[in-house]
């Protein structure tokens, strides 16, 4: 993800602090792991909180830690990260390329081949969806308003994501 984010940065003319981008890349899915996932918040926030703790504990200032926090917290949120700092935008761009193939066609095929030779992707599509499902099947309410509900609908029999329109129509308001 870091490598794809870096490649997308070159393509988009964005120059991040490479160390901050790297930390964002390293922590972006940490909230999917058993050690770091909580029950009461989105997995993205789990990883963002840990990234901030890590940076502050290692002498990185609060402004830089905030940038990394936003990159990790917003990495599954379309469009908004591209309006923020390069590190925030490129965590998202790296994830979008790595997981969704967004921007793949705009990258140099030789660069893609170099990355995938060093980091092969056998069975990646199934494995990443399974990892997502495992990382938040125990906290389905945190998927509301995110793409994460789609994952659970594909991997948890009988799961139906909370629908925004249903929430409005079933709210306590009389009309």
N, C-alpha and C. Protein backbone atom coordinates (compact mmCIF):
# COMPACT_ATOMS: atom_id res chain seq x y z
N UNK A 1 0.82 -1.17 0.00
CA UNK A 1 0.00 0.00 0.00
C UNK A 1 0.87 1.25 0.00
N UNK A 2 1.93 1.28 0.79
CA UNK A 2 2.85 2.41 0.81
C UNK A 2 3.43 2.64 -0.58
N UNK A 3 3.82 1.56 -1.23
CA UNK A 3 4.43 1.70 -2.56
C UNK A 3 3.42 2.22 -3.57
N UNK A 4 2.22 1.72 -3.54
CA UNK A 4 1.20 2.23 -4.47
C UNK A 4 0.84 3.68 -4.14
N UNK A 5 0.77 4.02 -2.86
CA UNK A 5 0.52 5.40 -2.48
C UNK A 5 1.63 6.32 -2.97
N UNK A 6 2.87 5.85 -2.86
CA UNK A 6 4.01 6.64 -3.35
C UNK A 6 3.96 6.82 -4.85
N UNK A 7 3.64 5.75 -5.56
CA UNK A 7 3.53 5.84 -7.02
C UNK A 7 2.39 6.78 -7.42
N UNK A 8 1.28 6.69 -6.72
CA UNK A 8 0.17 7.59 -7.02
C UNK A 8 0.55 9.04 -6.69
N UNK A 9 1.34 9.23 -5.66
CA UNK A 9 1.80 10.56 -5.33
C UNK A 9 2.61 11.18 -6.45
N UNK A 10 3.51 10.41 -7.02
CA UNK A 10 4.29 10.91 -8.17
C UNK A 10 3.37 11.29 -9.31
N UNK A 11 2.41 10.42 -9.59
CA UNK A 11 1.49 10.65 -10.69
C UNK A 11 0.64 11.90 -10.46
N UNK A 12 0.22 12.10 -9.22
CA UNK A 12 -0.66 13.21 -8.89
C UNK A 12 0.09 14.51 -8.55
N UNK A 13 1.42 14.43 -8.51
CA UNK A 13 2.20 15.61 -8.17
C UNK A 13 2.16 15.97 -6.70
N UNK A 14 1.94 14.99 -5.84
CA UNK A 14 1.89 15.20 -4.40
C UNK A 14 3.20 14.73 -3.78
N UNK A 15 3.73 15.52 -2.88
CA UNK A 15 5.00 15.18 -2.23
C UNK A 15 4.77 15.04 -0.73
N UNK A 16 4.58 13.82 -0.26
CA UNK A 16 4.34 13.61 1.16
C UNK A 16 5.66 13.52 1.93
N UNK A 17 5.55 13.61 3.24
CA UNK A 17 6.66 13.21 4.09
C UNK A 17 6.65 11.68 4.03
N UNK A 18 7.68 11.06 3.47
CA UNK A 18 7.63 9.60 3.27
C UNK A 18 7.52 8.81 4.57
N UNK A 19 8.10 9.32 5.65
CA UNK A 19 8.00 8.59 6.92
C UNK A 19 6.58 8.62 7.46
N UNK A 20 5.91 9.76 7.33
CA UNK A 20 4.53 9.83 7.80
C UNK A 20 3.62 8.98 6.93
N UNK A 21 3.83 8.99 5.62
CA UNK A 21 3.06 8.13 4.73
C UNK A 21 3.30 6.66 5.08
N UNK A 22 4.53 6.32 5.37
CA UNK A 22 4.85 4.94 5.72
C UNK A 22 4.12 4.51 7.00
N UNK A 23 4.13 5.37 8.01
CA UNK A 23 3.42 5.03 9.25
C UNK A 23 1.93 4.87 8.97
N UNK A 24 1.36 5.77 8.18
CA UNK A 24 -0.04 5.62 7.81
C UNK A 24 -0.31 4.30 7.12
N UNK A 25 0.59 3.92 6.22
CA UNK A 25 0.44 2.64 5.52
C UNK A 25 0.55 1.46 6.48
N UNK A 26 1.47 1.54 7.41
CA UNK A 26 1.68 0.43 8.34
C UNK A 26 0.51 0.25 9.31
N UNK A 27 -0.16 1.34 9.65
CA UNK A 27 -1.21 1.27 10.67
C UNK A 27 -2.62 1.26 10.07
N UNK A 28 -2.76 1.42 8.77
CA UNK A 28 -4.10 1.65 8.22
C UNK A 28 -5.08 0.50 8.45
N UNK A 29 -4.61 -0.72 8.51
CA UNK A 29 -5.51 -1.86 8.75
C UNK A 29 -5.26 -2.53 10.10
N UNK A 30 -4.50 -1.89 10.97
CA UNK A 30 -4.18 -2.47 12.27
C UNK A 30 -5.43 -2.81 13.07
N UNK A 31 -6.48 -2.01 12.91
CA UNK A 31 -7.72 -2.25 13.64
C UNK A 31 -8.47 -3.51 13.24
N UNK A 32 -7.99 -4.18 12.20
CA UNK A 32 -8.58 -5.47 11.82
C UNK A 32 -7.99 -6.61 12.64
N UNK A 33 -6.87 -6.38 13.29
CA UNK A 33 -6.18 -7.45 14.01
C UNK A 33 -6.77 -7.64 15.40
N UNK A 34 -6.73 -8.86 15.89
CA UNK A 34 -7.31 -9.18 17.20
C UNK A 34 -6.71 -8.34 18.32
N UNK A 35 -5.43 -8.06 18.25
CA UNK A 35 -4.77 -7.32 19.33
C UNK A 35 -5.25 -5.87 19.43
N UNK A 36 -5.57 -5.25 18.31
CA UNK A 36 -5.86 -3.82 18.31
C UNK A 36 -7.31 -3.47 18.06
N UNK A 37 -8.13 -4.42 17.69
CA UNK A 37 -9.51 -4.07 17.40
C UNK A 37 -10.34 -3.95 18.67
N UNK A 38 -11.18 -2.94 18.64
CA UNK A 38 -12.11 -2.71 19.73
C UNK A 38 -13.51 -3.12 19.27
N UNK A 39 -14.46 -3.02 20.17
CA UNK A 39 -15.82 -3.39 19.84
C UNK A 39 -16.71 -2.19 19.56
N UNK A 40 -16.26 -1.00 19.92
CA UNK A 40 -17.14 0.16 19.94
C UNK A 40 -16.84 1.22 18.89
N UNK A 41 -15.91 0.98 17.98
CA UNK A 41 -15.61 1.97 16.96
C UNK A 41 -15.14 1.29 15.68
N UNK A 42 -15.13 2.04 14.61
CA UNK A 42 -14.70 1.54 13.31
C UNK A 42 -13.24 1.10 13.36
N UNK A 43 -12.90 0.09 12.57
CA UNK A 43 -11.54 -0.41 12.55
C UNK A 43 -10.55 0.67 12.12
N UNK A 44 -10.99 1.59 11.27
CA UNK A 44 -10.11 2.65 10.81
C UNK A 44 -9.66 3.53 11.99
N UNK A 45 -10.57 3.77 12.93
CA UNK A 45 -10.23 4.59 14.10
C UNK A 45 -9.30 3.83 15.03
N UNK A 46 -9.50 2.51 15.14
CA UNK A 46 -8.58 1.71 15.95
C UNK A 46 -7.14 1.91 15.46
N UNK A 47 -6.94 1.77 14.16
CA UNK A 47 -5.60 1.94 13.60
C UNK A 47 -5.10 3.36 13.73
N UNK A 48 -5.98 4.33 13.53
CA UNK A 48 -5.60 5.74 13.63
C UNK A 48 -5.16 6.08 15.06
N UNK A 49 -5.90 5.60 16.04
CA UNK A 49 -5.54 5.86 17.43
C UNK A 49 -4.17 5.27 17.77
N UNK A 50 -3.92 4.06 17.31
CA UNK A 50 -2.62 3.42 17.56
C UNK A 50 -1.49 4.15 16.85
N UNK A 51 -1.73 4.61 15.63
CA UNK A 51 -0.71 5.35 14.90
C UNK A 51 -0.35 6.63 15.65
N UNK A 52 -1.36 7.33 16.12
CA UNK A 52 -1.10 8.57 16.88
C UNK A 52 -0.31 8.26 18.15
N UNK A 53 -0.71 7.23 18.89
CA UNK A 53 0.02 6.85 20.11
C UNK A 53 1.49 6.54 19.79
N UNK A 54 1.69 5.78 18.73
CA UNK A 54 3.04 5.41 18.32
C UNK A 54 3.88 6.64 18.01
N UNK A 55 3.34 7.52 17.20
CA UNK A 55 4.10 8.71 16.79
C UNK A 55 4.42 9.61 17.98
N UNK A 56 3.44 9.88 18.81
CA UNK A 56 3.68 10.75 19.96
C UNK A 56 4.69 10.12 20.92
N UNK A 57 4.63 8.80 21.08
CA UNK A 57 5.58 8.11 21.96
C UNK A 57 7.00 8.14 21.41
N UNK A 58 7.12 8.37 20.11
CA UNK A 58 8.45 8.42 19.49
C UNK A 58 8.87 9.84 19.12
N UNK A 59 8.30 10.82 19.80
CA UNK A 59 8.76 12.19 19.66
C UNK A 59 8.27 12.95 18.45
N UNK A 60 7.30 12.41 17.75
CA UNK A 60 6.72 13.13 16.62
C UNK A 60 5.66 14.07 17.17
N UNK A 61 5.60 15.28 16.63
CA UNK A 61 4.70 16.30 17.15
C UNK A 61 3.23 16.02 16.90
N UNK A 62 2.38 16.71 17.64
CA UNK A 62 0.93 16.51 17.51
C UNK A 62 0.38 16.84 16.13
N UNK A 63 0.93 17.83 15.45
CA UNK A 63 0.42 18.18 14.11
C UNK A 63 0.68 17.04 13.13
N UNK A 64 1.87 16.48 13.17
CA UNK A 64 2.19 15.36 12.28
C UNK A 64 1.38 14.13 12.65
N UNK A 65 1.22 13.89 13.96
CA UNK A 65 0.42 12.75 14.41
C UNK A 65 -1.03 12.89 13.96
N UNK A 66 -1.54 14.13 13.97
CA UNK A 66 -2.91 14.36 13.50
C UNK A 66 -3.04 14.03 12.02
N UNK A 67 -2.05 14.41 11.22
CA UNK A 67 -2.10 14.12 9.78
C UNK A 67 -2.15 12.62 9.55
N UNK A 68 -1.32 11.88 10.25
CA UNK A 68 -1.34 10.42 10.10
C UNK A 68 -2.65 9.85 10.61
N UNK A 69 -3.14 10.37 11.75
CA UNK A 69 -4.42 9.91 12.27
C UNK A 69 -5.51 10.08 11.21
N UNK A 70 -5.57 11.24 10.58
CA UNK A 70 -6.59 11.49 9.56
C UNK A 70 -6.40 10.57 8.36
N UNK A 71 -5.17 10.33 7.96
CA UNK A 71 -4.92 9.42 6.83
C UNK A 71 -5.45 8.03 7.10
N UNK A 72 -5.20 7.53 8.29
CA UNK A 72 -5.66 6.18 8.64
C UNK A 72 -7.17 6.18 8.86
N UNK A 73 -7.68 7.15 9.60
CA UNK A 73 -9.11 7.18 9.91
C UNK A 73 -9.97 7.34 8.67
N UNK A 74 -9.47 8.05 7.67
CA UNK A 74 -10.27 8.36 6.48
C UNK A 74 -9.95 7.48 5.27
N UNK A 75 -9.12 6.47 5.44
CA UNK A 75 -8.65 5.74 4.26
C UNK A 75 -9.73 4.96 3.51
N UNK A 76 -10.89 4.77 4.09
CA UNK A 76 -11.99 4.11 3.37
C UNK A 76 -13.08 5.10 2.99
N UNK A 77 -12.79 6.38 3.13
CA UNK A 77 -13.76 7.43 2.83
C UNK A 77 -13.42 8.05 1.47
N UNK A 78 -14.24 7.86 0.46
CA UNK A 78 -13.91 8.40 -0.86
C UNK A 78 -13.89 9.93 -0.88
N UNK A 79 -13.06 10.46 -1.72
CA UNK A 79 -12.96 11.87 -2.09
C UNK A 79 -12.37 12.80 -1.03
N UNK A 80 -12.85 12.78 0.19
CA UNK A 80 -12.44 13.76 1.19
C UNK A 80 -10.92 13.77 1.41
N UNK A 81 -10.26 12.62 1.55
CA UNK A 81 -8.82 12.67 1.80
C UNK A 81 -8.02 13.43 0.74
N UNK A 82 -8.51 13.46 -0.48
CA UNK A 82 -7.78 14.15 -1.55
C UNK A 82 -7.79 15.67 -1.38
N UNK A 83 -8.63 16.18 -0.48
CA UNK A 83 -8.68 17.62 -0.19
C UNK A 83 -7.78 17.99 0.98
N UNK A 84 -7.11 17.00 1.56
CA UNK A 84 -6.29 17.22 2.75
C UNK A 84 -4.81 17.07 2.40
N UNK A 85 -3.97 16.97 3.41
CA UNK A 85 -2.53 16.87 3.22
C UNK A 85 -2.16 15.68 2.33
N UNK A 86 -0.98 15.76 1.67
CA UNK A 86 -0.57 14.67 0.78
C UNK A 86 -0.53 13.31 1.48
N UNK A 87 -0.12 13.27 2.73
CA UNK A 87 -0.05 11.98 3.44
C UNK A 87 -1.43 11.38 3.60
N UNK A 88 -2.42 12.21 3.87
CA UNK A 88 -3.80 11.74 4.02
C UNK A 88 -4.30 11.22 2.67
N UNK A 89 -4.11 12.03 1.64
CA UNK A 89 -4.55 11.66 0.30
C UNK A 89 -3.90 10.37 -0.17
N UNK A 90 -2.62 10.21 0.12
CA UNK A 90 -1.89 9.07 -0.45
C UNK A 90 -2.06 7.78 0.33
N UNK A 91 -2.45 7.85 1.59
CA UNK A 91 -2.87 6.61 2.26
C UNK A 91 -4.10 6.08 1.53
N UNK A 92 -5.05 6.98 1.26
CA UNK A 92 -6.26 6.57 0.53
C UNK A 92 -5.92 6.10 -0.87
N UNK A 93 -5.10 6.86 -1.59
CA UNK A 93 -4.75 6.47 -2.96
C UNK A 93 -4.06 5.11 -2.99
N UNK A 94 -3.19 4.86 -2.03
CA UNK A 94 -2.52 3.56 -1.97
C UNK A 94 -3.50 2.43 -1.73
N UNK A 95 -4.43 2.64 -0.80
CA UNK A 95 -5.45 1.63 -0.51
C UNK A 95 -6.35 1.43 -1.72
N UNK A 96 -6.78 2.53 -2.34
CA UNK A 96 -7.67 2.41 -3.50
C UNK A 96 -7.01 1.64 -4.63
N UNK A 97 -5.72 1.86 -4.85
CA UNK A 97 -5.02 1.11 -5.89
C UNK A 97 -4.85 -0.34 -5.48
N UNK A 98 -4.37 -0.55 -4.27
CA UNK A 98 -4.06 -1.89 -3.79
C UNK A 98 -5.29 -2.78 -3.70
N UNK A 99 -6.38 -2.25 -3.16
CA UNK A 99 -7.56 -3.08 -2.89
C UNK A 99 -8.59 -3.00 -4.02
N UNK A 100 -8.84 -1.80 -4.53
CA UNK A 100 -9.93 -1.61 -5.49
C UNK A 100 -9.47 -1.49 -6.94
N UNK A 101 -8.19 -1.31 -7.15
CA UNK A 101 -7.68 -1.13 -8.51
C UNK A 101 -7.89 0.28 -9.06
N UNK A 102 -8.32 1.22 -8.21
CA UNK A 102 -8.52 2.59 -8.66
C UNK A 102 -7.15 3.21 -8.94
N UNK A 103 -6.99 3.77 -10.11
CA UNK A 103 -5.71 4.37 -10.49
C UNK A 103 -4.70 3.38 -11.02
N UNK A 104 -5.03 2.10 -11.03
CA UNK A 104 -4.12 1.06 -11.51
C UNK A 104 -3.68 1.33 -12.94
N UNK A 105 -4.63 1.64 -13.80
CA UNK A 105 -4.34 1.83 -15.22
C UNK A 105 -3.48 3.06 -15.48
N UNK A 106 -3.45 3.99 -14.53
CA UNK A 106 -2.65 5.20 -14.71
C UNK A 106 -1.21 5.02 -14.28
N UNK A 107 -0.89 3.91 -13.64
CA UNK A 107 0.48 3.66 -13.19
C UNK A 107 1.29 2.97 -14.28
N UNK A 108 2.57 3.17 -14.25
CA UNK A 108 3.49 2.52 -15.18
C UNK A 108 3.46 1.00 -14.93
N UNK A 109 3.15 0.22 -15.95
CA UNK A 109 3.10 -1.23 -15.77
C UNK A 109 4.40 -1.82 -15.23
N UNK A 110 5.54 -1.24 -15.58
CA UNK A 110 6.82 -1.73 -15.06
C UNK A 110 6.91 -1.51 -13.55
N UNK A 111 6.38 -0.37 -13.07
CA UNK A 111 6.39 -0.10 -11.64
C UNK A 111 5.48 -1.08 -10.90
N UNK A 112 4.32 -1.36 -11.47
CA UNK A 112 3.41 -2.33 -10.87
C UNK A 112 4.06 -3.70 -10.82
N UNK A 113 4.72 -4.08 -11.91
CA UNK A 113 5.40 -5.38 -11.95
C UNK A 113 6.50 -5.47 -10.90
N UNK A 114 7.20 -4.37 -10.70
CA UNK A 114 8.27 -4.35 -9.70
C UNK A 114 7.70 -4.52 -8.29
N UNK A 115 6.62 -3.81 -8.01
CA UNK A 115 5.99 -3.92 -6.69
C UNK A 115 5.46 -5.33 -6.47
N UNK A 116 4.75 -5.87 -7.44
CA UNK A 116 4.14 -7.19 -7.25
C UNK A 116 5.16 -8.32 -7.30
N UNK A 117 6.30 -8.10 -7.93
CA UNK A 117 7.37 -9.11 -7.88
C UNK A 117 7.93 -9.18 -6.45
N UNK A 118 8.07 -8.03 -5.82
CA UNK A 118 8.58 -7.99 -4.45
C UNK A 118 7.51 -8.40 -3.43
N UNK A 119 6.25 -8.13 -3.76
CA UNK A 119 5.13 -8.40 -2.86
C UNK A 119 4.01 -9.08 -3.64
N UNK A 120 4.16 -10.40 -3.90
CA UNK A 120 3.16 -11.13 -4.70
C UNK A 120 1.77 -11.08 -4.06
N UNK A 121 0.74 -11.23 -4.90
CA UNK A 121 -0.64 -11.09 -4.45
C UNK A 121 -1.49 -12.33 -4.73
N UNK A 122 -1.01 -13.53 -4.50
CA UNK A 122 -1.85 -14.70 -4.80
C UNK A 122 -3.08 -14.74 -3.90
N UNK A 123 -4.24 -14.82 -4.52
CA UNK A 123 -5.50 -14.90 -3.78
C UNK A 123 -5.84 -13.65 -2.99
N UNK A 124 -5.28 -12.51 -3.36
CA UNK A 124 -5.45 -11.29 -2.58
C UNK A 124 -6.90 -10.86 -2.45
N UNK A 125 -7.66 -10.90 -3.54
CA UNK A 125 -9.03 -10.38 -3.49
C UNK A 125 -9.87 -11.09 -2.43
N UNK A 126 -9.83 -12.40 -2.42
CA UNK A 126 -10.60 -13.15 -1.42
C UNK A 126 -10.02 -12.94 -0.03
N UNK A 127 -8.72 -12.97 0.07
CA UNK A 127 -8.08 -12.85 1.38
C UNK A 127 -8.37 -11.50 2.03
N UNK A 128 -8.37 -10.42 1.26
CA UNK A 128 -8.59 -9.11 1.87
C UNK A 128 -10.04 -8.96 2.32
N UNK A 129 -10.99 -9.46 1.54
CA UNK A 129 -12.39 -9.39 1.97
C UNK A 129 -12.60 -10.25 3.21
N UNK A 130 -11.98 -11.42 3.25
CA UNK A 130 -12.08 -12.27 4.45
C UNK A 130 -11.46 -11.58 5.67
N UNK A 131 -10.33 -10.90 5.48
CA UNK A 131 -9.68 -10.19 6.59
C UNK A 131 -10.57 -9.06 7.09
N UNK A 132 -11.18 -8.34 6.15
CA UNK A 132 -12.11 -7.28 6.57
C UNK A 132 -13.25 -7.88 7.40
N UNK A 133 -13.86 -8.94 6.89
CA UNK A 133 -15.00 -9.55 7.59
C UNK A 133 -14.60 -10.01 8.98
N UNK A 134 -13.47 -10.65 9.09
CA UNK A 134 -13.00 -11.12 10.39
C UNK A 134 -12.72 -9.95 11.33
N UNK A 135 -12.27 -8.85 10.78
CA UNK A 135 -11.91 -7.69 11.59
C UNK A 135 -13.07 -6.90 12.14
N UNK A 136 -14.25 -7.04 11.54
CA UNK A 136 -15.38 -6.29 12.10
C UNK A 136 -16.71 -7.03 12.15
N UNK A 137 -16.70 -8.33 11.98
CA UNK A 137 -17.95 -9.09 12.12
C UNK A 137 -18.48 -9.02 13.55
N UNK A 138 -17.62 -8.84 14.52
CA UNK A 138 -18.04 -8.76 15.93
C UNK A 138 -18.58 -7.39 16.31
N UNK A 139 -18.49 -6.42 15.40
CA UNK A 139 -18.96 -5.06 15.68
C UNK A 139 -19.71 -4.49 14.48
N UNK A 140 -20.76 -5.18 14.06
CA UNK A 140 -21.45 -4.78 12.83
C UNK A 140 -22.03 -3.37 12.87
N UNK A 141 -22.38 -2.87 14.04
CA UNK A 141 -22.96 -1.53 14.12
C UNK A 141 -21.97 -0.46 13.67
N UNK A 142 -20.66 -0.76 13.75
CA UNK A 142 -19.65 0.23 13.35
C UNK A 142 -19.53 0.35 11.84
N UNK A 143 -20.22 -0.49 11.12
CA UNK A 143 -20.14 -0.44 9.65
C UNK A 143 -21.17 0.51 9.05
N UNK A 144 -22.06 1.07 9.88
CA UNK A 144 -23.09 1.97 9.36
C UNK A 144 -22.45 3.16 8.65
N UNK A 145 -22.94 3.46 7.46
CA UNK A 145 -22.46 4.60 6.70
C UNK A 145 -21.12 4.38 6.03
N UNK A 146 -20.65 3.15 6.02
CA UNK A 146 -19.35 2.84 5.41
C UNK A 146 -19.52 1.73 4.39
N UNK A 147 -18.48 1.48 3.62
CA UNK A 147 -18.48 0.36 2.69
C UNK A 147 -18.33 -0.97 3.42
N UNK A 148 -18.00 -0.91 4.70
CA UNK A 148 -17.74 -2.13 5.46
C UNK A 148 -18.97 -3.02 5.62
N UNK A 149 -20.15 -2.42 5.60
CA UNK A 149 -21.38 -3.21 5.66
C UNK A 149 -21.50 -4.13 4.46
N UNK A 150 -20.99 -3.70 3.31
CA UNK A 150 -21.01 -4.54 2.11
C UNK A 150 -20.22 -5.83 2.35
N UNK A 151 -19.10 -5.71 3.03
CA UNK A 151 -18.26 -6.88 3.33
C UNK A 151 -19.04 -7.89 4.15
N UNK A 152 -19.70 -7.41 5.20
CA UNK A 152 -20.44 -8.34 6.06
C UNK A 152 -21.62 -8.97 5.32
N UNK A 153 -22.25 -8.23 4.41
CA UNK A 153 -23.34 -8.82 3.63
C UNK A 153 -22.83 -9.97 2.76
N UNK A 154 -21.60 -9.90 2.32
CA UNK A 154 -21.03 -10.96 1.49
C UNK A 154 -20.44 -12.12 2.30
N UNK A 155 -20.10 -11.87 3.57
CA UNK A 155 -19.40 -12.90 4.34
C UNK A 155 -20.15 -13.41 5.56
N UNK A 156 -21.19 -12.72 6.01
CA UNK A 156 -21.94 -13.15 7.20
C UNK A 156 -23.36 -13.47 6.77
N UNK A 157 -23.70 -14.76 6.74
CA UNK A 157 -25.04 -15.15 6.30
C UNK A 157 -26.14 -14.43 7.09
N UNK A 158 -27.08 -13.86 6.36
CA UNK A 158 -28.21 -13.19 6.97
C UNK A 158 -27.97 -11.75 7.38
N UNK A 159 -26.73 -11.28 7.29
CA UNK A 159 -26.46 -9.90 7.68
C UNK A 159 -27.00 -8.95 6.63
N UNK A 160 -27.67 -7.91 7.08
CA UNK A 160 -28.11 -6.82 6.20
C UNK A 160 -27.65 -5.53 6.85
N UNK A 161 -26.94 -4.74 6.08
CA UNK A 161 -26.41 -3.49 6.65
C UNK A 161 -27.55 -2.54 7.02
N UNK A 162 -27.28 -1.71 8.00
CA UNK A 162 -28.23 -0.71 8.44
C UNK A 162 -28.38 0.31 7.33
N UNK A 163 -29.58 0.48 6.86
CA UNK A 163 -29.87 1.34 5.72
C UNK A 163 -30.18 2.75 6.19
N UNK A 164 -29.51 3.73 5.64
CA UNK A 164 -29.67 5.13 6.01
C UNK A 164 -31.12 5.59 5.87
N UNK A 165 -31.78 5.22 4.80
CA UNK A 165 -33.18 5.62 4.60
C UNK A 165 -34.06 4.98 5.66
N UNK A 166 -33.81 3.72 5.99
CA UNK A 166 -34.57 3.07 7.06
C UNK A 166 -34.40 3.80 8.39
N UNK A 167 -33.19 4.24 8.67
CA UNK A 167 -32.94 4.96 9.92
C UNK A 167 -33.78 6.23 9.96
N UNK A 168 -33.81 6.95 8.85
CA UNK A 168 -34.61 8.18 8.80
C UNK A 168 -36.09 7.86 8.97
N UNK A 169 -36.59 6.92 8.18
CA UNK A 169 -38.02 6.63 8.18
C UNK A 169 -38.49 6.00 9.50
N UNK A 170 -37.63 5.31 10.22
CA UNK A 170 -38.00 4.66 11.48
C UNK A 170 -37.58 5.48 12.69
N UNK A 171 -37.10 6.69 12.47
CA UNK A 171 -36.67 7.52 13.59
C UNK A 171 -37.88 7.93 14.45
N UNK A 172 -37.61 8.50 15.61
CA UNK A 172 -38.66 8.90 16.54
C UNK A 172 -39.46 10.11 16.07
N UNK A 173 -39.00 10.78 15.04
CA UNK A 173 -39.72 11.96 14.56
C UNK A 173 -41.06 11.55 13.95
N UNK A 174 -42.13 12.31 14.23
CA UNK A 174 -43.46 11.94 13.74
C UNK A 174 -43.60 11.98 12.22
N UNK A 175 -42.88 12.86 11.55
CA UNK A 175 -42.99 12.88 10.09
C UNK A 175 -41.72 13.40 9.47
